[in-house]
PDB file of N, CA and C in Angstrom:
ATOM      1  N   MET A   1     -27.537   2.808   8.606  1.00  0.00           N
ATOM      2  CA  MET A   1     -26.459   2.429   9.860  1.00  0.00           C
ATOM      3  C   MET A   1     -25.288   2.309   9.395  1.00  0.00           C
ATOM      4  N   TRP A   2     -24.230   2.636  10.573  1.00  0.00           N
ATOM      5  CA  TRP A   2     -23.016   2.036  10.127  1.00  0.00           C
ATOM      6  C   TRP A   2     -22.420   1.810  11.730  1.00  0.00           C
ATOM      7  N   ALA A   3     -21.159   0.950  11.228  1.00  0.00           N
ATOM      8  CA  ALA A   3     -20.665   0.152  12.406  1.00  0.00           C
ATOM      9  C   ALA A   3     -19.157  -0.047  12.348  1.00  0.00           C
ATOM     10  N   GLN A   4     -18.425  -0.280  13.089  1.00  0.00           N
ATOM     11  CA  GLN A   4     -16.777  -0.587  13.082  1.00  0.00           C
ATOM     12  C   GLN A   4     -16.809  -1.396  14.064  1.00  0.00           C
ATOM     13  N   LEU A   5     -15.736  -2.668  13.449  1.00  0.00           N
ATOM     14  CA  LEU A   5     -15.179  -3.893  14.381  1.00  0.00           C
ATOM     15  C   LEU A   5     -14.099  -3.352  14.627  1.00  0.00           C
ATOM     16  N   ILE A   6     -13.506  -3.719  15.765  1.00  0.00           N
ATOM     17  CA  ILE A   6     -12.679  -3.200  16.471  1.00  0.00           C
ATOM     18  C   ILE A   6     -11.617  -4.783  16.977  1.00  0.00           C
ATOM     19  N   LYS A   7     -10.914  -5.444  16.525  1.00  0.00           N
ATOM     20  CA  LYS A   7      -9.755  -6.299  16.820  1.00  0.00           C
ATOM     21  C   LYS A   7      -8.752  -5.903  17.711  1.00  0.00           C
ATOM     22  N   ALA A   8      -8.548  -6.635  18.642  1.00  0.00           N
ATOM     23  CA  ALA A   8      -7.589  -6.534  19.828  1.00  0.00           C
ATOM     24  C   ALA A   8      -6.916  -7.539  19.877  1.00  0.00           C
ATOM     25  N   LYS A   9      -5.616  -7.317  20.519  1.00  0.00           N
ATOM     26  CA  LYS A   9      -4.902  -8.406  21.427  1.00  0.00           C
ATOM     27  C   LYS A   9      -5.000  -7.967  22.812  1.00  0.00           C
ATOM     28  N   VAL A  10      -5.212  -8.525  23.893  1.00  0.00           N
ATOM     29  CA  VAL A  10      -5.397  -7.743  25.361  1.00  0.00           C
ATOM     30  C   VAL A  10      -4.171  -9.152  25.923  1.00  0.00           C
ATOM     31  N   LYS A  11      -3.808  -8.161  27.186  1.00  0.00           N
ATOM     32  CA  LYS A  11      -2.893  -8.929  27.970  1.00  0.00           C
ATOM     33  C   LYS A  11      -3.688 -10.005  28.465  1.00  0.00           C
ATOM     34  N   PRO A  12      -3.253 -11.395  28.758  1.00  0.00           N
ATOM     35  CA  PRO A  12      -3.599 -11.870  29.636  1.00  0.00           C
ATOM     36  C   PRO A  12      -4.291 -11.646  31.113  1.00  0.00           C
ATOM     37  N   GLY A  13      -5.573 -11.927  31.414  1.00  0.00           N
ATOM     38  CA  GLY A  13      -5.991 -11.772  32.768  1.00  0.00           C
ATOM     39  C   GLY A  13      -7.089 -10.197  32.577  1.00  0.00           C
ATOM     40  N   THR A  14      -6.826  -9.422  31.353  1.00  0.00           N
ATOM     41  CA  THR A  14      -7.440  -8.278  31.110  1.00  0.00           C
ATOM     42  C   THR A  14      -9.303  -8.448  31.463  1.00  0.00           C
ATOM     43  N   ASP A  15      -9.651  -7.812  32.321  1.00  0.00           N
ATOM     44  CA  ASP A  15     -11.327  -7.577  32.377  1.00  0.00           C
ATOM     45  C   ASP A  15     -12.132  -7.058  31.689  1.00  0.00           C
ATOM     46  N   LEU A  16     -12.466  -7.518  30.717  1.00  0.00           N
ATOM     47  CA  LEU A  16     -13.434  -6.949  29.750  1.00  0.00           C
ATOM     48  C   LEU A  16     -14.303  -6.088  30.531  1.00  0.00           C
ATOM     49  N   SER A  17     -15.289  -6.498  31.125  1.00  0.00           N
ATOM     50  CA  SER A  17     -15.961  -6.210  31.747  1.00  0.00           C
ATOM     51  C   SER A  17     -15.608  -4.179  32.435  1.00  0.00           C
ATOM     52  N   ALA A  18     -14.592  -4.555  32.902  1.00  0.00           N
ATOM     53  CA  ALA A  18     -13.604  -3.121  33.775  1.00  0.00           C
ATOM     54  C   ALA A  18     -13.812  -1.880  32.193  1.00  0.00           C
ATOM     55  N   LEU A  19     -13.396  -2.398  31.246  1.00  0.00           N
ATOM     56  CA  LEU A  19     -13.431  -1.825  29.952  1.00  0.00           C
ATOM     57  C   LEU A  19     -14.563  -1.062  29.608  1.00  0.00           C
ATOM     58  N   THR A  20     -15.449  -2.157  29.604  1.00  0.00           N
ATOM     59  CA  THR A  20     -16.985  -1.667  29.272  1.00  0.00           C
ATOM     60  C   THR A  20     -17.411  -0.279  30.146  1.00  0.00           C
ATOM     61  N   GLU A  21     -17.222  -0.874  31.446  1.00  0.00           N
ATOM     62  CA  GLU A  21     -17.654   0.192  32.428  1.00  0.00           C
ATOM     63  C   GLU A  21     -16.891   1.925  32.073  1.00  0.00           C
ATOM     64  N   VAL A  22     -15.456   1.911  31.885  1.00  0.00           N
ATOM     65  CA  VAL A  22     -14.945   2.932  31.487  1.00  0.00           C
ATOM     66  C   VAL A  22     -15.553   3.538  30.237  1.00  0.00           C
ATOM     67  N   LEU A  23     -15.499   2.617  29.218  1.00  0.00           N
ATOM     68  CA  LEU A  23     -16.478   3.335  27.937  1.00  0.00           C
ATOM     69  C   LEU A  23     -17.911   3.710  28.370  1.00  0.00           C
ATOM     70  N   LYS A  24     -18.985   3.115  29.107  1.00  0.00           N
ATOM     71  CA  LYS A  24     -19.889   3.442  29.433  1.00  0.00           C
ATOM     72  C   LYS A  24     -19.840   5.247  29.960  1.00  0.00           C
ATOM     73  N   ALA A  25     -19.027   5.287  30.955  1.00  0.00           N
ATOM     74  CA  ALA A  25     -18.865   6.392  31.919  1.00  0.00           C
ATOM     75  C   ALA A  25     -18.509   7.423  31.149  1.00  0.00           C
ATOM     76  N   ALA A  26     -17.836   7.257  29.450  1.00  0.00           N
ATOM     77  CA  ALA A  26     -17.567   8.372  29.154  1.00  0.00           C
ATOM     78  C   ALA A  26     -18.845   8.764  27.847  1.00  0.00           C
ATOM     79  N   GLU A  27     -19.659   7.985  27.845  1.00  0.00           N
ATOM     80  CA  GLU A  27     -20.787   8.093  26.787  1.00  0.00           C
ATOM     81  C   GLU A  27     -20.964   9.408  27.054  1.00  0.00           C
ATOM     82  N   GLN A  28     -21.645   9.896  25.867  1.00  0.00           N
ATOM     83  CA  GLN A  28     -22.735  11.341  26.158  1.00  0.00           C
ATOM     84  C   GLN A  28     -23.848  10.972  25.408  1.00  0.00           C
ATOM     85  N   PRO A  29     -24.994  11.699  25.646  1.00  0.00           N
ATOM     86  CA  PRO A  29     -26.206  11.530  25.330  1.00  0.00           C
ATOM     87  C   PRO A  29     -26.145  12.314  23.743  1.00  0.00           C
ATOM     88  N   GLY A  30     -27.081  11.774  22.856  1.00  0.00           N
ATOM     89  CA  GLY A  30     -26.950  12.162  21.286  1.00  0.00           C
ATOM     90  C   GLY A  30     -25.869  11.814  20.600  1.00  0.00           C
ATOM     91  N   SER A  31     -24.954  10.648  21.128  1.00  0.00           N
ATOM     92  CA  SER A  31     -23.832  10.636  20.435  1.00  0.00           C
ATOM     93  C   SER A  31     -24.105   9.489  18.814  1.00  0.00           C
ATOM     94  N   GLY A  32     -24.936   9.203  18.979  1.00  0.00           N
ATOM     95  CA  GLY A  32     -25.278   8.127  17.731  1.00  0.00           C
ATOM     96  C   GLY A  32     -25.255   6.796  17.861  1.00  0.00           C
ATOM     97  N   LEU A  33     -24.328   6.309  19.142  1.00  0.00           N
ATOM     98  CA  LEU A  33     -24.236   5.435  19.505  1.00  0.00           C
ATOM     99  C   LEU A  33     -25.505   4.748  19.529  1.00  0.00           C
ATOM    100  N   LEU A  34     -25.989   2.960  19.133  1.00  0.00           N
ATOM    101  CA  LEU A  34     -26.823   2.766  19.108  1.00  0.00           C
ATOM    102  C   LEU A  34     -26.428   1.431  20.031  1.00  0.00           C
ATOM    103  N   ARG A  35     -25.492   0.794  19.473  1.00  0.00           N
ATOM    104  CA  ARG A  35     -25.159  -0.638  20.491  1.00  0.00           C
ATOM    105  C   ARG A  35     -23.523  -1.056  20.496  1.00  0.00           C
ATOM    106  N   GLU A  36     -23.077  -1.619  21.676  1.00  0.00           N
ATOM    107  CA  GLU A  36     -21.825  -2.090  21.436  1.00  0.00           C
ATOM    108  C   GLU A  36     -21.635  -2.993  21.950  1.00  0.00           C
ATOM    109  N   MET A  37     -21.076  -4.442  21.290  1.00  0.00           N
ATOM    110  CA  MET A  37     -20.748  -5.624  21.815  1.00  0.00           C
ATOM    111  C   MET A  37     -19.449  -6.179  22.047  1.00  0.00           C
ATOM    112  N   PHE A  38     -18.990  -6.701  23.222  1.00  0.00           N
ATOM    113  CA  PHE A  38     -18.004  -6.973  23.288  1.00  0.00           C
ATOM    114  C   PHE A  38     -17.927  -8.560  23.738  1.00  0.00           C
ATOM    115  N   MET A  39     -16.705  -8.881  22.677  1.00  0.00           N
ATOM    116  CA  MET A  39     -16.734 -10.336  22.906  1.00  0.00           C
ATOM    117  C   MET A  39     -15.181 -10.505  22.722  1.00  0.00           C
ATOM    118  N   HIS A  40     -14.934 -11.953  23.146  1.00  0.00           N
ATOM    119  CA  HIS A  40     -13.800 -12.425  23.294  1.00  0.00           C
ATOM    120  C   HIS A  40     -13.567 -13.585  22.456  1.00  0.00           C
ATOM    121  N   ASP A  41     -12.343 -14.195  21.842  1.00  0.00           N
ATOM    122  CA  ASP A  41     -12.682 -15.638  21.032  1.00  0.00           C
ATOM    123  C   ASP A  41     -12.359 -16.572  22.337  1.00  0.00           C
ATOM    124  N   GLN A  42     -13.270 -17.767  21.585  1.00  0.00           N
ATOM    125  CA  GLN A  42     -13.472 -19.011  22.748  1.00  0.00           C
ATOM    126  C   GLN A  42     -11.988 -19.304  22.704  1.00  0.00           C
ATOM    127  N   ASN A  43     -11.363 -19.580  21.835  1.00  0.00           N
ATOM    128  CA  ASN A  43      -9.975 -20.336  21.796  1.00  0.00           C
ATOM    129  C   ASN A  43      -8.674 -19.870  21.903  1.00  0.00           C
ATOM    130  N   ASP A  44      -8.861 -18.233  22.232  1.00  0.00           N
ATOM    131  CA  ASP A  44      -7.907 -17.479  22.520  1.00  0.00           C
ATOM    132  C   ASP A  44      -8.554 -16.184  23.398  1.00  0.00           C
ATOM    133  N   PRO A  45      -8.595 -16.211  24.937  1.00  0.00           N
ATOM    134  CA  PRO A  45      -9.291 -15.452  25.176  1.00  0.00           C
ATOM    135  C   PRO A  45      -8.357 -13.760  25.585  1.00  0.00           C
ATOM    136  N   THR A  46      -7.377 -14.061  24.765  1.00  0.00           N
ATOM    137  CA  THR A  46      -6.717 -12.796  24.543  1.00  0.00           C
ATOM    138  C   THR A  46      -6.889 -11.842  23.304  1.00  0.00           C
ATOM    139  N   SER A  47      -7.622 -12.452  22.132  1.00  0.00           N
ATOM    140  CA  SER A  47      -8.282 -11.957  21.369  1.00  0.00           C
ATOM    141  C   SER A  47      -9.300 -11.290  21.481  1.00  0.00           C
ATOM    142  N   VAL A  48      -9.634  -9.973  21.529  1.00  0.00           N
ATOM    143  CA  VAL A  48     -10.777  -9.329  21.812  1.00  0.00           C
ATOM    144  C   VAL A  48     -11.669  -8.828  20.532  1.00  0.00           C
ATOM    145  N   TYR A  49     -12.821  -8.539  20.262  1.00  0.00           N
ATOM    146  CA  TYR A  49     -13.225  -8.183  19.054  1.00  0.00           C
ATOM    147  C   TYR A  49     -14.795  -6.907  19.797  1.00  0.00           C
ATOM    148  N   VAL A  50     -14.857  -6.163  19.340  1.00  0.00           N
ATOM    149  CA  VAL A  50     -15.834  -5.254  19.438  1.00  0.00           C
ATOM    150  C   VAL A  50     -16.249  -4.536  18.889  1.00  0.00           C
ATOM    151  N   ILE A  51     -17.612  -4.820  18.544  1.00  0.00           N
ATOM    152  CA  ILE A  51     -18.629  -4.137  17.397  1.00  0.00           C
ATOM    153  C   ILE A  51     -19.750  -2.806  17.959  1.00  0.00           C
ATOM    154  N   VAL A  52     -19.126  -1.755  17.470  1.00  0.00           N
ATOM    155  CA  VAL A  52     -19.930  -0.411  17.844  1.00  0.00           C
ATOM    156  C   VAL A  52     -20.615  -0.195  16.440  1.00  0.00           C
ATOM    157  N   MET A  53     -22.100   0.019  16.733  1.00  0.00           N
ATOM    158  CA  MET A  53     -23.085   0.717  15.812  1.00  0.00           C
ATOM    159  C   MET A  53     -23.503   1.783  16.354  1.00  0.00           C
ATOM    160  N   PHE A  54     -23.470   2.598  14.671  1.00  0.00           N
ATOM    161  CA  PHE A  54     -24.084   4.206  15.278  1.00  0.00           C
ATOM    162  C   PHE A  54     -25.249   4.336  14.041  1.00  0.00           C
ATOM    163  N   GLU A  55     -25.918   5.608  14.691  1.00  0.00           N
ATOM    164  CA  GLU A  55     -26.712   5.561  13.665  1.00  0.00           C
ATOM    165  C   GLU A  55     -26.251   5.847  12.064  1.00  0.00           C
ATOM    166  N   ASN A  56     -25.158   6.669  11.787  1.00  0.00           N
ATOM    167  CA  ASN A  56     -24.517   6.652  10.443  1.00  0.00           C
ATOM    168  C   ASN A  56     -23.340   7.197  11.140  1.00  0.00           C
ATOM    169  N   GLU A  57     -21.932   7.289   9.971  1.00  0.00           N
ATOM    170  CA  GLU A  57     -20.913   7.123   9.810  1.00  0.00           C
ATOM    171  C   GLU A  57     -20.690   9.021  10.732  1.00  0.00           C
ATOM    172  N   GLU A  58     -21.134   9.860  10.054  1.00  0.00           N
ATOM    173  CA  GLU A  58     -21.421  11.204  10.428  1.00  0.00           C
ATOM    174  C   GLU A  58     -21.166  11.233  12.303  1.00  0.00           C
ATOM    175  N   LYS A  59     -22.433  11.042  12.558  1.00  0.00           N
ATOM    176  CA  LYS A  59     -22.468  10.932  14.146  1.00  0.00           C
ATOM    177  C   LYS A  59     -21.427   9.932  14.711  1.00  0.00           C
ATOM    178  N   ALA A  60     -20.854   9.180  14.364  1.00  0.00           N
ATOM    179  CA  ALA A  60     -19.617   8.390  14.525  1.00  0.00           C
ATOM    180  C   ALA A  60     -18.502   9.175  14.638  1.00  0.00           C
ATOM    181  N   ARG A  61     -18.334  10.120  13.427  1.00  0.00           N
ATOM    182  CA  ARG A  61     -17.034  10.917  13.445  1.00  0.00           C
ATOM    183  C   ARG A  61     -17.172  12.464  14.384  1.00  0.00           C
ATOM    184  N   GLU A  62     -18.464  12.346  14.978  1.00  0.00           N
ATOM    185  CA  GLU A  62     -18.904  13.723  15.697  1.00  0.00           C
ATOM    186  C   GLU A  62     -18.594  13.142  16.907  1.00  0.00           C
ATOM    187  N   ARG A  63     -18.749  11.824  17.185  1.00  0.00           N
ATOM    188  CA  ARG A  63     -18.450  11.722  18.320  1.00  0.00           C
ATOM    189  C   ARG A  63     -17.273  11.379  18.894  1.00  0.00           C
ATOM    190  N   GLU A  64     -16.112  11.186  18.110  1.00  0.00           N
ATOM    191  CA  GLU A  64     -14.886  10.985  18.059  1.00  0.00           C
ATOM    192  C   GLU A  64     -14.331  12.243  18.653  1.00  0.00           C
ATOM    193  N   ARG A  65     -14.723  13.539  17.987  1.00  0.00           N
ATOM    194  CA  ARG A  65     -14.667  14.697  18.084  1.00  0.00           C
ATOM    195  C   ARG A  65     -15.195  15.750  19.330  1.00  0.00           C
ATOM    196  N   ASP A  66     -16.272  14.965  20.094  1.00  0.00           N
ATOM    197  CA  ASP A  66     -17.325  15.688  21.060  1.00  0.00           C
ATOM    198  C   ASP A  66     -16.154  16.195  22.140  1.00  0.00           C
ATOM    199  N   PRO A  67     -16.150  17.104  22.592  1.00  0.00           N
ATOM    200  CA  PRO A  67     -15.230  17.523  23.920  1.00  0.00           C
ATOM    201  C   PRO A  67     -15.454  17.285  24.968  1.00  0.00           C
ATOM    202  N   ARG A  68     -17.124  16.851  25.126  1.00  0.00           N
ATOM    203  CA  ARG A  68     -17.677  16.681  26.368  1.00  0.00           C
ATOM    204  C   ARG A  68     -17.247  15.082  26.263  1.00  0.00           C
ATOM    205  N   ARG A  69     -16.618  14.098  25.838  1.00  0.00           N
ATOM    206  CA  ARG A  69     -15.690  12.781  25.967  1.00  0.00           C
ATOM    207  C   ARG A  69     -14.457  12.954  26.337  1.00  0.00           C
ATOM    208  N   ALA A  70     -13.632  14.212  26.318  1.00  0.00           N
ATOM    209  CA  ALA A  70     -12.489  14.396  26.652  1.00  0.00           C
ATOM    210  C   ALA A  70     -11.711  13.748  27.772  1.00  0.00           C
ATOM    211  N   GLU A  71     -12.458  13.949  29.108  1.00  0.00           N
ATOM    212  CA  GLU A  71     -11.680  13.102  30.147  1.00  0.00           C
ATOM    213  C   GLU A  71     -12.290  11.788  30.144  1.00  0.00           C
ATOM    214  N   GLY A  72     -13.462  11.541  29.756  1.00  0.00           N
ATOM    215  CA  GLY A  72     -13.525   9.948  29.504  1.00  0.00           C
ATOM    216  C   GLY A  72     -12.442   9.428  28.648  1.00  0.00           C
ATOM    217  N   GLN A  73     -11.930  10.232  27.394  1.00  0.00           N
ATOM    218  CA  GLN A  73     -11.131   9.643  26.370  1.00  0.00           C
ATOM    219  C   GLN A  73      -9.653   9.012  26.836  1.00  0.00           C
ATOM    220  N   GLN A  74      -9.710  10.296  27.857  1.00  0.00           N
ATOM    221  CA  GLN A  74      -8.175  10.103  28.928  1.00  0.00           C
ATOM    222  C   GLN A  74      -8.357   8.835  29.422  1.00  0.00           C
ATOM    223  N   ALA A  75      -9.531   8.554  30.420  1.00  0.00           N
ATOM    224  CA  ALA A  75      -9.402   7.281  31.112  1.00  0.00           C
ATOM    225  C   ALA A  75      -9.521   6.107  29.970  1.00  0.00           C
ATOM    226  N   ILE A  76     -10.066   5.999  29.138  1.00  0.00           N
ATOM    227  CA  ILE A  76     -10.181   4.914  28.143  1.00  0.00           C
ATOM    228  C   ILE A  76      -8.775   4.555  27.425  1.00  0.00           C
ATOM    229  N   GLY A  77      -8.148   5.631  27.740  1.00  0.00           N
ATOM    230  CA  GLY A  77      -6.345   5.546  27.088  1.00  0.00           C
ATOM    231  C   GLY A  77      -5.747   4.887  28.022  1.00  0.00           C
ATOM    232  N   ALA A  78      -6.133   5.729  29.156  1.00  0.00           N
ATOM    233  CA  ALA A  78      -4.857   4.947  30.470  1.00  0.00           C
ATOM    234  C   ALA A  78      -5.266   3.480  30.346  1.00  0.00           C
ATOM    235  N   PHE A  79      -6.734   3.035  30.372  1.00  0.00           N
ATOM    236  CA  PHE A  79      -7.074   1.822  30.509  1.00  0.00           C
ATOM    237  C   PHE A  79      -6.472   0.602  29.446  1.00  0.00           C
ATOM    238  N   LEU A  80      -6.385   1.513  28.071  1.00  0.00           N
ATOM    239  CA  LEU A  80      -5.996   0.747  27.056  1.00  0.00           C
ATOM    240  C   LEU A  80      -4.637   0.308  27.175  1.00  0.00           C
ATOM    241  N   ALA A  81      -3.974   1.261  27.541  1.00  0.00           N
ATOM    242  CA  ALA A  81      -2.025   1.332  27.594  1.00  0.00           C
ATOM    243  C   ALA A  81      -2.052   0.367  28.729  1.00  0.00           C
ATOM    244  N   GLU A  82      -2.413   0.051  29.480  1.00  0.00           N
ATOM    245  CA  GLU A  82      -2.433  -1.064  30.610  1.00  0.00           C
ATOM    246  C   GLU A  82      -2.672  -2.563  29.808  1.00  0.00           C
ATOM    247  N   ALA A  83      -4.023  -2.497  29.216  1.00  0.00           N
ATOM    248  CA  ALA A  83      -4.608  -3.803  28.495  1.00  0.00           C
ATOM    249  C   ALA A  83      -4.153  -4.582  27.541  1.00  0.00           C
ATOM    250  N   LEU A  84      -3.508  -3.486  26.535  1.00  0.00           N
ATOM    251  CA  LEU A  84      -3.491  -4.060  24.854  1.00  0.00           C
ATOM    252  C   LEU A  84      -1.942  -4.734  25.114  1.00  0.00           C
ATOM    253  N   ALA A  85      -1.868  -5.912  24.226  1.00  0.00           N
ATOM    254  CA  ALA A  85      -0.725  -6.320  24.104  1.00  0.00           C
ATOM    255  C   ALA A  85       0.035  -5.961  22.727  1.00  0.00           C
ATOM    256  N   ALA A  86      -1.268  -5.041  21.912  1.00  0.00           N
ATOM    257  CA  ALA A  86      -0.662  -4.749  20.318  1.00  0.00           C
ATOM    258  C   ALA A  86      -1.450  -3.981  20.202  1.00  0.00           C
ATOM    259  N   PRO A  87      -1.355  -2.735  19.083  1.00  0.00           N
ATOM    260  CA  PRO A  87      -2.748  -2.019  18.657  1.00  0.00           C
ATOM    261  C   PRO A  87      -3.685  -2.490  18.024  1.00  0.00           C
ATOM    262  N   PRO A  88      -5.095  -1.957  18.277  1.00  0.00           N
ATOM    263  CA  PRO A  88      -5.902  -2.554  17.542  1.00  0.00           C
ATOM    264  C   PRO A  88      -6.288  -2.277  16.465  1.00  0.00           C
ATOM    265  N   GLU A  89      -7.220  -3.208  15.841  1.00  0.00           N
ATOM    266  CA  GLU A  89      -7.530  -2.783  13.876  1.00  0.00           C
ATOM    267  C   GLU A  89      -8.521  -2.371  14.156  1.00  0.00           C
ATOM    268  N   PHE A  90      -9.024  -0.916  13.147  1.00  0.00           N
ATOM    269  CA  PHE A  90     -10.202  -0.783  13.155  1.00  0.00           C
ATOM    270  C   PHE A  90     -10.897  -0.958  11.653  1.00  0.00           C
ATOM    271  N   ILE A  91     -12.187  -1.784  11.745  1.00  0.00           N
ATOM    272  CA  ILE A  91     -12.874  -2.221  10.223  1.00  0.00           C
ATOM    273  C   ILE A  91     -14.026  -1.232  10.397  1.00  0.00           C
ATOM    274  N   ASP A  92     -14.198  -0.123   9.516  1.00  0.00           N
ATOM    275  CA  ASP A  92     -15.196   0.381   9.129  1.00  0.00           C
ATOM    276  C   ASP A  92     -16.230  -0.313   8.129  1.00  0.00           C
ATOM    277  N   LEU A  93     -17.603  -0.407   8.991  1.00  0.00           N
ATOM    278  CA  LEU A  93     -18.875  -1.345   8.113  1.00  0.00           C
ATOM    279  C   LEU A  93     -19.727  -0.559   7.878  1.00  0.00           C
ATOM    280  N   THR A  94     -20.357  -0.721   6.442  1.00  0.00           N
ATOM    281  CA  THR A  94     -21.797  -0.087   6.055  1.00  0.00           C
ATOM    282  C   THR A  94     -22.588  -1.259   6.464  1.00  0.00           C
ATOM    283  N   VAL A  95     -23.679  -1.061   7.589  1.00  0.00           N
ATOM    284  CA  VAL A  95     -24.490  -2.081   7.872  1.00  0.00           C
ATOM    285  C   VAL A  95     -25.507  -2.342   6.756  1.00  0.00           C
ATOM    286  N   THR A  96     -25.561  -3.117   6.009  1.00  0.00           N
ATOM    287  CA  THR A  96     -26.479  -3.518   4.890  1.00  0.00           C
ATOM    288  C   THR A  96     -28.189  -3.932   4.902  1.00  0.00           C
ATOM    289  N   THR A  97     -28.128  -4.613   6.320  1.00  0.00           N
ATOM    290  CA  THR A  97     -29.185  -5.277   7.298  1.00  0.00           C
ATOM    291  C   THR A  97     -29.053  -5.576   8.390  1.00  0.00           C
ATOM    292  N   ASP A  98     -30.153  -5.326   9.473  1.00  0.00           N
ATOM    293  CA  ASP A  98     -30.232  -5.868  10.687  1.00  0.00           C
ATOM    294  C   ASP A  98     -31.227  -6.002  11.188  1.00  0.00           C
ATOM    295  N   TRP A  99     -31.114  -7.650  11.237  1.00  0.00           N
ATOM    296  CA  TRP A  99     -32.387  -8.414  11.686  1.00  0.00           C
ATOM    297  C   TRP A  99     -32.261  -8.803  12.887  1.00  0.00           C
ATOM    298  N   ILE A 100     -33.323  -8.578  13.080  1.00  0.00           N
ATOM    299  CA  ILE A 100     -32.938  -9.152  14.688  1.00  0.00           C
ATOM    300  C   ILE A 100     -34.624 -10.240  14.906  1.00  0.00           C
ATOM    301  N   PRO A 101     -34.715 -11.456  15.450  1.00  0.00           N
ATOM    302  CA  PRO A 101     -35.883 -12.067  15.509  1.00  0.00           C
ATOM    303  C   PRO A 101     -36.697 -11.546  16.753  1.00  0.00           C
ATOM    304  N   GLU A 102     -37.525 -11.758  16.612  1.00  0.00           N
ATOM    305  CA  GLU A 102     -38.697 -11.416  17.797  1.00  0.00           C
ATOM    306  C   GLU A 102     -39.274 -12.896  18.255  1.00  0.00           C
ATOM    307  N   PRO A 103     -39.379 -12.773  19.759  1.00  0.00           N
ATOM    308  CA  PRO A 103     -40.439 -14.077  19.896  1.00  0.00           C
ATOM    309  C   PRO A 103     -41.550 -14.467  19.108  1.00  0.00           C
ATOM    310  N   GLY A 104     -41.948 -15.117  18.625  1.00  0.00           N
ATOM    311  CA  GLY A 104     -43.178 -15.576  18.348  1.00  0.00           C
ATOM    312  C   GLY A 104     -43.557 -15.170  16.382  1.00  0.00           C
ATOM    313  N   THR A 105     -42.458 -14.232  16.177  1.00  0.00           N
ATOM    314  CA  THR A 105     -42.496 -13.817  14.743  1.00  0.00           C
ATOM    315  C   THR A 105     -41.570 -14.438  13.563  1.00  0.00           C
ATOM    316  N   THR A 106     -41.383 -13.723  12.765  1.00  0.00           N
ATOM    317  CA  THR A 106     -40.605 -14.012  11.685  1.00  0.00           C
ATOM    318  C   THR A 106     -39.263 -13.125  12.340  1.00  0.00           C
ATOM    319  N   GLY A 107     -39.356 -12.092  12.850  1.00  0.00           N
ATOM    320  CA  GLY A 107     -38.618 -11.156  13.433  1.00  0.00           C
ATOM    321  C   GLY A 107     -39.061  -9.672  12.290  1.00  0.00           C
ATOM    322  N   ARG A 108     -38.011  -9.300  12.544  1.00  0.00           N
ATOM    323  CA  ARG A 108     -37.915  -7.440  11.551  1.00  0.00           C
ATOM    324  C   ARG A 108     -36.523  -7.218  10.570  1.00  0.00           C
ATOM    325  N   ASN A 109     -36.943  -6.813  10.152  1.00  0.00           N
ATOM    326  CA  ASN A 109     -35.769  -6.689   8.875  1.00  0.00           C
ATOM    327  C   ASN A 109     -35.668  -4.981   8.428  1.00  0.00           C
ATOM    328  N   TRP A 110     -34.401  -4.249   8.912  1.00  0.00           N
ATOM    329  CA  TRP A 110     -34.385  -3.475   8.208  1.00  0.00           C
ATOM    330  C   TRP A 110     -33.049  -2.963   7.593  1.00  0.00           C
ATOM    331  N   SER A 111     -33.227  -2.579   6.080  1.00  0.00           N
ATOM    332  CA  SER A 111     -32.157  -2.332   5.359  1.00  0.00           C
ATOM    333  C   SER A 111     -31.878  -0.850   5.233  1.00  0.00           C
ATOM    334  N   GLY A 112     -30.507  -0.649   5.397  1.00  0.00           N
ATOM    335  CA  GLY A 112     -30.065   0.483   5.366  1.00  0.00           C
ATOM    336  C   GLY A 112     -29.795   1.286   4.281  1.00  0.00           C
TER     337      GLY A 112
END
């Protein structure tokens, strides 16, 4: 697995749920995307974080170049131009362990 952490500052009053809808609309089948989590700092709602998880880095990079996402990318860019107070920071991460506890068990542990 491979992940990217995106840190950004948004303008006050930005609706993160609107961003998630724009992103979902641009998604294509087979992109390798496993999950996206959108969060904001409890003490500073203008600080937002997005964790994007992929099957692997190659799939993530292919997704960036996927021509099927071009129209959606334009919508995402327009939204971000209005919402961001500063350019985002992208941090590339190698997932070494993904542990999800299941109710009534000790959980499952996958090592990448």
